[in-house]
Amino acid sequence: MRWTDTREIAIALCDAHPQVDPQYVRFTDLHAWVLALPGFDDAPERSGEKILESIQMLWIEERD
């Protein structure tokens, strides 16, 4: 996975953290959790606020 795979990342986060309400996740935590996902292989510095926000919104959508 890469930072551009936002939906795939959101699904993986939903599976990895089922007890977490993504609406309240800080971007610093979200960034760290994405980097820790199995199969994630992209440079940490390639993400930004827009990408993290997109992942968070998709995660909220997947959770509902």
N, C-alpha and C. Protein backbone atom coordinates (compact mmCIF):
# COMPACT_ATOMS: atom_id res chain seq x y z
N MET A 1 0.84 -1.19 0.00
CA MET A 1 0.00 0.00 0.00
C MET A 1 0.88 1.24 0.00
N ARG A 2 0.32 2.27 -0.62
CA ARG A 2 1.00 3.57 -0.65
C ARG A 2 0.01 4.61 -0.15
N TRP A 3 0.49 5.82 0.10
CA TRP A 3 -0.36 6.89 0.62
C TRP A 3 -1.55 7.16 -0.28
N THR A 4 -1.41 6.92 -1.56
CA THR A 4 -2.50 7.19 -2.50
C THR A 4 -3.61 6.14 -2.44
N ASP A 5 -3.37 5.03 -1.76
CA ASP A 5 -4.36 3.96 -1.62
C ASP A 5 -5.26 4.25 -0.41
N THR A 6 -5.91 5.40 -0.43
CA THR A 6 -6.62 5.88 0.75
C THR A 6 -7.76 4.95 1.19
N ARG A 7 -8.54 4.44 0.26
CA ARG A 7 -9.64 3.55 0.65
C ARG A 7 -9.11 2.25 1.24
N GLU A 8 -8.11 1.68 0.62
CA GLU A 8 -7.50 0.44 1.12
C GLU A 8 -6.91 0.66 2.53
N ILE A 9 -6.30 1.81 2.74
CA ILE A 9 -5.75 2.15 4.05
C ILE A 9 -6.88 2.27 5.07
N ALA A 10 -7.96 2.94 4.69
CA ALA A 10 -9.10 3.12 5.60
C ALA A 10 -9.69 1.78 6.01
N ILE A 11 -9.82 0.86 5.07
CA ILE A 11 -10.35 -0.47 5.38
C ILE A 11 -9.40 -1.21 6.32
N ALA A 12 -8.11 -1.12 6.05
CA ALA A 12 -7.12 -1.78 6.91
C ALA A 12 -7.14 -1.19 8.33
N LEU A 13 -7.31 0.12 8.44
CA LEU A 13 -7.38 0.75 9.76
C LEU A 13 -8.64 0.33 10.50
N CYS A 14 -9.73 0.21 9.78
CA CYS A 14 -11.00 -0.24 10.37
C CYS A 14 -10.83 -1.64 10.95
N ASP A 15 -10.14 -2.50 10.23
CA ASP A 15 -9.89 -3.86 10.70
C ASP A 15 -8.89 -3.89 11.86
N ALA A 16 -7.87 -3.04 11.78
CA ALA A 16 -6.81 -3.04 12.79
C ALA A 16 -7.23 -2.37 14.10
N HIS A 17 -8.16 -1.43 14.02
CA HIS A 17 -8.56 -0.66 15.21
C HIS A 17 -10.09 -0.57 15.30
N PRO A 18 -10.76 -1.73 15.47
CA PRO A 18 -12.23 -1.71 15.47
C PRO A 18 -12.85 -0.95 16.63
N GLN A 19 -12.12 -0.79 17.71
CA GLN A 19 -12.65 -0.11 18.89
C GLN A 19 -12.50 1.41 18.83
N VAL A 20 -11.80 1.91 17.83
CA VAL A 20 -11.49 3.34 17.73
C VAL A 20 -12.54 4.06 16.89
N ASP A 21 -12.97 5.22 17.39
CA ASP A 21 -13.84 6.09 16.60
C ASP A 21 -12.92 7.02 15.81
N PRO A 22 -12.83 6.84 14.49
CA PRO A 22 -11.88 7.60 13.68
C PRO A 22 -12.11 9.10 13.70
N GLN A 23 -13.30 9.51 14.08
CA GLN A 23 -13.61 10.94 14.14
C GLN A 23 -12.71 11.67 15.14
N TYR A 24 -12.24 10.95 16.15
CA TYR A 24 -11.47 11.57 17.23
C TYR A 24 -9.98 11.25 17.18
N VAL A 25 -9.52 10.65 16.09
CA VAL A 25 -8.11 10.30 15.96
C VAL A 25 -7.30 11.52 15.52
N ARG A 26 -6.22 11.79 16.24
CA ARG A 26 -5.32 12.89 15.86
C ARG A 26 -4.50 12.47 14.65
N PHE A 27 -4.16 13.42 13.82
CA PHE A 27 -3.40 13.12 12.61
C PHE A 27 -2.04 12.51 12.94
N THR A 28 -1.44 12.88 14.04
CA THR A 28 -0.14 12.29 14.41
C THR A 28 -0.30 10.80 14.69
N ASP A 29 -1.39 10.42 15.37
CA ASP A 29 -1.65 9.00 15.62
C ASP A 29 -2.02 8.28 14.33
N LEU A 30 -2.85 8.91 13.53
CA LEU A 30 -3.26 8.32 12.26
C LEU A 30 -2.04 8.03 11.38
N HIS A 31 -1.15 8.98 11.31
CA HIS A 31 0.08 8.82 10.53
C HIS A 31 0.87 7.61 11.01
N ALA A 32 1.05 7.50 12.31
CA ALA A 32 1.80 6.38 12.89
C ALA A 32 1.10 5.05 12.64
N TRP A 33 -0.23 5.03 12.75
CA TRP A 33 -0.97 3.79 12.54
C TRP A 33 -0.91 3.34 11.09
N VAL A 34 -0.94 4.27 10.17
CA VAL A 34 -0.82 3.92 8.75
C VAL A 34 0.56 3.31 8.49
N LEU A 35 1.58 3.93 9.02
CA LEU A 35 2.94 3.41 8.81
C LEU A 35 3.10 2.00 9.38
N ALA A 36 2.34 1.68 10.43
CA ALA A 36 2.44 0.38 11.09
C ALA A 36 1.61 -0.71 10.41
N LEU A 37 0.78 -0.34 9.43
CA LEU A 37 -0.07 -1.34 8.78
C LEU A 37 0.77 -2.35 8.00
N PRO A 38 0.41 -3.64 8.11
CA PRO A 38 1.10 -4.65 7.30
C PRO A 38 0.88 -4.35 5.81
N GLY A 39 1.91 -4.41 5.05
CA GLY A 39 1.80 -4.17 3.62
C GLY A 39 1.94 -2.72 3.21
N PHE A 40 2.06 -1.82 4.20
CA PHE A 40 2.25 -0.41 3.84
C PHE A 40 3.72 -0.20 3.53
N ASP A 41 3.98 0.37 2.35
CA ASP A 41 5.37 0.54 1.91
C ASP A 41 5.50 1.85 1.15
N ASP A 42 5.55 2.94 1.89
CA ASP A 42 5.73 4.26 1.29
C ASP A 42 6.50 5.12 2.28
N ALA A 43 7.08 6.17 1.79
CA ALA A 43 7.89 7.05 2.64
C ALA A 43 6.99 7.85 3.58
N PRO A 44 7.35 7.91 4.86
CA PRO A 44 6.54 8.65 5.84
C PRO A 44 6.31 10.11 5.46
N GLU A 45 7.30 10.72 4.86
CA GLU A 45 7.20 12.15 4.53
C GLU A 45 6.33 12.44 3.31
N ARG A 46 5.85 11.41 2.64
CA ARG A 46 5.01 11.63 1.45
C ARG A 46 3.56 11.92 1.81
N SER A 47 3.21 11.80 3.07
CA SER A 47 1.83 12.11 3.47
C SER A 47 1.74 13.58 3.84
N GLY A 48 0.51 14.04 3.91
CA GLY A 48 0.26 15.42 4.31
C GLY A 48 -1.13 15.50 4.92
N GLU A 49 -1.51 16.69 5.31
CA GLU A 49 -2.80 16.87 5.96
C GLU A 49 -3.96 16.44 5.07
N LYS A 50 -3.87 16.75 3.77
CA LYS A 50 -4.96 16.40 2.85
C LYS A 50 -5.12 14.88 2.74
N ILE A 51 -4.02 14.17 2.65
CA ILE A 51 -4.08 12.71 2.54
C ILE A 51 -4.62 12.11 3.84
N LEU A 52 -4.12 12.59 4.97
CA LEU A 52 -4.59 12.07 6.25
C LEU A 52 -6.07 12.37 6.46
N GLU A 53 -6.50 13.54 6.05
CA GLU A 53 -7.92 13.89 6.16
C GLU A 53 -8.77 12.97 5.28
N SER A 54 -8.30 12.69 4.10
CA SER A 54 -9.02 11.80 3.19
C SER A 54 -9.13 10.40 3.78
N ILE A 55 -8.03 9.90 4.34
CA ILE A 55 -8.03 8.58 4.97
C ILE A 55 -9.02 8.57 6.14
N GLN A 56 -8.99 9.61 6.95
CA GLN A 56 -9.88 9.69 8.10
C GLN A 56 -11.35 9.70 7.66
N MET A 57 -11.69 10.47 6.65
CA MET A 57 -13.07 10.53 6.17
C MET A 57 -13.52 9.17 5.62
N LEU A 58 -12.66 8.51 4.87
CA LEU A 58 -13.00 7.19 4.34
C LEU A 58 -13.13 6.16 5.46
N TRP A 59 -12.30 6.26 6.48
CA TRP A 59 -12.38 5.37 7.63
C TRP A 59 -13.73 5.57 8.34
N ILE A 60 -14.14 6.81 8.52
CA ILE A 60 -15.45 7.10 9.13
C ILE A 60 -16.55 6.46 8.27
N GLU A 61 -16.44 6.63 6.97
CA GLU A 61 -17.43 6.06 6.04
C GLU A 61 -17.46 4.53 6.13
N GLU A 62 -16.30 3.90 6.18
CA GLU A 62 -16.21 2.45 6.26
C GLU A 62 -16.78 1.94 7.57
N ARG A 63 -16.59 2.68 8.62
CA ARG A 63 -17.06 2.27 9.96
C ARG A 63 -18.58 2.30 10.03
N ASP A 64 -19.19 3.23 9.33
CA ASP A 64 -20.65 3.35 9.34
C ASP A 64 -21.23 2.34 8.43
